[in-house]
């Protein structure tokens, strides 16, 4: 099964809705992968405007 990604917050999800933002606008067409464990201390999370831990796609089409 292909993982889905939320088009709004770029979080990688397994259901039909994003648990982070509640959106149901999901895509199978994405690339790049980053796991954020501590968004408060992460420079990458800061640059990507990520505030909650989780797995995120870098580019979503």
Foldseek 3Di string as FASTA:
>chain_A
DQWKAAPPLQATDDDQADPPPGDNRIASDFAAKDFDDQLVPDPVCVVSVHDDTHMGTPGGD
